[in-house]
Amino acid sequence: MTDEIVTEGDNVKVNYTGSFKDGEIFDSSLEEK
């Protein structure tokens, strides 16, 4: 992580992984390898 501050007009990229309580992943912004 970085200490950079986002300000209005900036573009940001966020990686996420959505999973159920049992650990099953239902969505992700990362490509599987």
PDB file of N, CA and C in Angstrom:
ATOM      1  N   MET A   1       0.844  -1.184   0.000  1.00  0.00           N
ATOM      2  CA  MET A   1       0.000   0.000   0.000  1.00  0.00           C
ATOM      3  C   MET A   1       0.883   1.239   0.000  1.00  0.00           C
ATOM      4  N   THR A   2       0.302   2.320  -0.476  1.00  0.00           N
ATOM      5  CA  THR A   2       1.043   3.576  -0.511  1.00  0.00           C
ATOM      6  C   THR A   2       0.329   4.618   0.320  1.00  0.00           C
ATOM      7  N   ASP A   3       1.011   5.712   0.557  1.00  0.00           N
ATOM      8  CA  ASP A   3       0.430   6.816   1.320  1.00  0.00           C
ATOM      9  C   ASP A   3      -0.062   7.926   0.402  1.00  0.00           C
ATOM     10  N   GLU A   4      -0.251   7.619  -0.886  1.00  0.00           N
ATOM     11  CA  GLU A   4      -0.700   8.638  -1.827  1.00  0.00           C
ATOM     12  C   GLU A   4      -2.143   9.032  -1.547  1.00  0.00           C
ATOM     13  N   ILE A   5      -2.437  10.303  -1.723  1.00  0.00           N
ATOM     14  CA  ILE A   5      -3.781  10.826  -1.480  1.00  0.00           C
ATOM     15  C   ILE A   5      -4.485  11.027  -2.814  1.00  0.00           C
ATOM     16  N   VAL A   6      -5.702  10.524  -2.922  1.00  0.00           N
ATOM     17  CA  VAL A   6      -6.509  10.680  -4.128  1.00  0.00           C
ATOM     18  C   VAL A   6      -7.285  11.982  -4.016  1.00  0.00           C
ATOM     19  N   THR A   7      -7.270  12.743  -5.099  1.00  0.00           N
ATOM     20  CA  THR A   7      -8.027  13.992  -5.117  1.00  0.00           C
ATOM     21  C   THR A   7      -8.996  13.977  -6.284  1.00  0.00           C
ATOM     22  N   GLU A   8      -9.960  14.870  -6.255  1.00  0.00           N
ATOM     23  CA  GLU A   8     -10.967  14.952  -7.307  1.00  0.00           C
ATOM     24  C   GLU A   8     -10.294  15.096  -8.662  1.00  0.00           C
ATOM     25  N   GLY A   9     -10.742  14.290  -9.624  1.00  0.00           N
ATOM     26  CA  GLY A   9     -10.178  14.313 -10.968  1.00  0.00           C
ATOM     27  C   GLY A   9      -9.122  13.245 -11.198  1.00  0.00           C
ATOM     28  N   ASP A  10      -8.620  12.616 -10.123  1.00  0.00           N
ATOM     29  CA  ASP A  10      -7.637  11.543 -10.264  1.00  0.00           C
ATOM     30  C   ASP A  10      -8.312  10.280 -10.778  1.00  0.00           C
ATOM     31  N   ASN A  11      -7.560   9.467 -11.496  1.00  0.00           N
ATOM     32  CA  ASN A  11      -8.012   8.135 -11.884  1.00  0.00           C
ATOM     33  C   ASN A  11      -7.357   7.140 -10.944  1.00  0.00           C
ATOM     34  N   VAL A  12      -8.135   6.164 -10.492  1.00  0.00           N
ATOM     35  CA  VAL A  12      -7.598   5.133  -9.605  1.00  0.00           C
ATOM     36  C   VAL A  12      -7.948   3.759 -10.148  1.00  0.00           C
ATOM     37  N   LYS A  13      -7.130   2.773  -9.806  1.00  0.00           N
ATOM     38  CA  LYS A  13      -7.388   1.385 -10.176  1.00  0.00           C
ATOM     39  C   LYS A  13      -7.447   0.576  -8.889  1.00  0.00           C
ATOM     40  N   VAL A  14      -8.503  -0.209  -8.743  1.00  0.00           N
ATOM     41  CA  VAL A  14      -8.705  -0.998  -7.531  1.00  0.00           C
ATOM     42  C   VAL A  14      -8.855  -2.463  -7.914  1.00  0.00           C
ATOM     43  N   ASN A  15      -8.109  -3.327  -7.257  1.00  0.00           N
ATOM     44  CA  ASN A  15      -8.287  -4.768  -7.423  1.00  0.00           C
ATOM     45  C   ASN A  15      -9.154  -5.279  -6.282  1.00  0.00           C
ATOM     46  N   TYR A  16     -10.071  -6.199  -6.604  1.00  0.00           N
ATOM     47  CA  TYR A  16     -10.969  -6.733  -5.581  1.00  0.00           C
ATOM     48  C   TYR A  16     -11.225  -8.209  -5.839  1.00  0.00           C
ATOM     49  N   THR A  17     -11.615  -8.901  -4.804  1.00  0.00           N
ATOM     50  CA  THR A  17     -12.089 -10.275  -4.913  1.00  0.00           C
ATOM     51  C   THR A  17     -13.310 -10.416  -4.019  1.00  0.00           C
ATOM     52  N   GLY A  18     -14.426 -10.839  -4.602  1.00  0.00           N
ATOM     53  CA  GLY A  18     -15.650 -11.058  -3.833  1.00  0.00           C
ATOM     54  C   GLY A  18     -15.792 -12.536  -3.545  1.00  0.00           C
ATOM     55  N   SER A  19     -16.016 -12.867  -2.266  1.00  0.00           N
ATOM     56  CA  SER A  19     -16.165 -14.280  -1.913  1.00  0.00           C
ATOM     57  C   SER A  19     -17.261 -14.462  -0.872  1.00  0.00           C
ATOM     58  N   PHE A  20     -17.808 -15.681  -0.860  1.00  0.00           N
ATOM     59  CA  PHE A  20     -18.800 -16.064   0.133  1.00  0.00           C
ATOM     60  C   PHE A  20     -18.093 -16.431   1.433  1.00  0.00           C
ATOM     61  N   LYS A  21     -18.869 -16.579   2.515  1.00  0.00           N
ATOM     62  CA  LYS A  21     -18.290 -16.929   3.815  1.00  0.00           C
ATOM     63  C   LYS A  21     -17.522 -18.246   3.777  1.00  0.00           C
ATOM     64  N   ASP A  22     -17.938 -19.159   2.881  1.00  0.00           N
ATOM     65  CA  ASP A  22     -17.249 -20.451   2.797  1.00  0.00           C
ATOM     66  C   ASP A  22     -15.971 -20.382   1.962  1.00  0.00           C
ATOM     67  N   GLY A  23     -15.636 -19.186   1.455  1.00  0.00           N
ATOM     68  CA  GLY A  23     -14.400 -19.005   0.700  1.00  0.00           C
ATOM     69  C   GLY A  23     -14.551 -19.088  -0.803  1.00  0.00           C
ATOM     70  N   GLU A  24     -15.732 -19.505  -1.290  1.00  0.00           N
ATOM     71  CA  GLU A  24     -15.946 -19.594  -2.735  1.00  0.00           C
ATOM     72  C   GLU A  24     -15.922 -18.190  -3.335  1.00  0.00           C
ATOM     73  N   ILE A  25     -15.078 -17.998  -4.358  1.00  0.00           N
ATOM     74  CA  ILE A  25     -14.954 -16.698  -5.015  1.00  0.00           C
ATOM     75  C   ILE A  25     -16.019 -16.583  -6.095  1.00  0.00           C
ATOM     76  N   PHE A  26     -16.786 -15.476  -6.083  1.00  0.00           N
ATOM     77  CA  PHE A  26     -17.812 -15.274  -7.096  1.00  0.00           C
ATOM     78  C   PHE A  26     -17.461 -14.170  -8.085  1.00  0.00           C
ATOM     79  N   ASP A  27     -16.471 -13.331  -7.781  1.00  0.00           N
ATOM     80  CA  ASP A  27     -16.058 -12.288  -8.715  1.00  0.00           C
ATOM     81  C   ASP A  27     -14.685 -11.776  -8.315  1.00  0.00           C
ATOM     82  N   SER A  28     -13.911 -11.345  -9.306  1.00  0.00           N
ATOM     83  CA  SER A  28     -12.587 -10.810  -9.034  1.00  0.00           C
ATOM     84  C   SER A  28     -12.154  -9.922 -10.188  1.00  0.00           C
ATOM     85  N   SER A  29     -11.410  -8.872  -9.867  1.00  0.00           N
ATOM     86  CA  SER A  29     -10.867  -8.011 -10.912  1.00  0.00           C
ATOM     87  C   SER A  29      -9.521  -8.535 -11.402  1.00  0.00           C
ATOM     88  N   LEU A  30      -8.986  -9.529 -10.730  1.00  0.00           N
ATOM     89  CA  LEU A  30      -7.695 -10.103 -11.103  1.00  0.00           C
ATOM     90  C   LEU A  30      -7.900 -11.287 -12.035  1.00  0.00           C
ATOM     91  N   GLU A  31      -7.000 -11.412 -13.018  1.00  0.00           N
ATOM     92  CA  GLU A  31      -7.069 -12.545 -13.934  1.00  0.00           C
ATOM     93  C   GLU A  31      -6.497 -13.778 -13.253  1.00  0.00           C
ATOM     94  N   GLU A  32      -7.140 -14.921 -13.487  1.00  0.00           N
ATOM     95  CA  GLU A  32      -6.600 -16.176 -12.958  1.00  0.00           C
ATOM     96  C   GLU A  32      -5.389 -16.570 -13.773  1.00  0.00           C
ATOM     97  N   LYS A  33      -4.388 -17.135 -13.099  1.00  0.00           N
ATOM     98  CA  LYS A  33      -3.162 -17.568 -13.794  1.00  0.00           C
ATOM     99  C   LYS A  33      -3.056 -19.065 -13.778  1.00  0.00           C
TER     100      LYS A  33
END
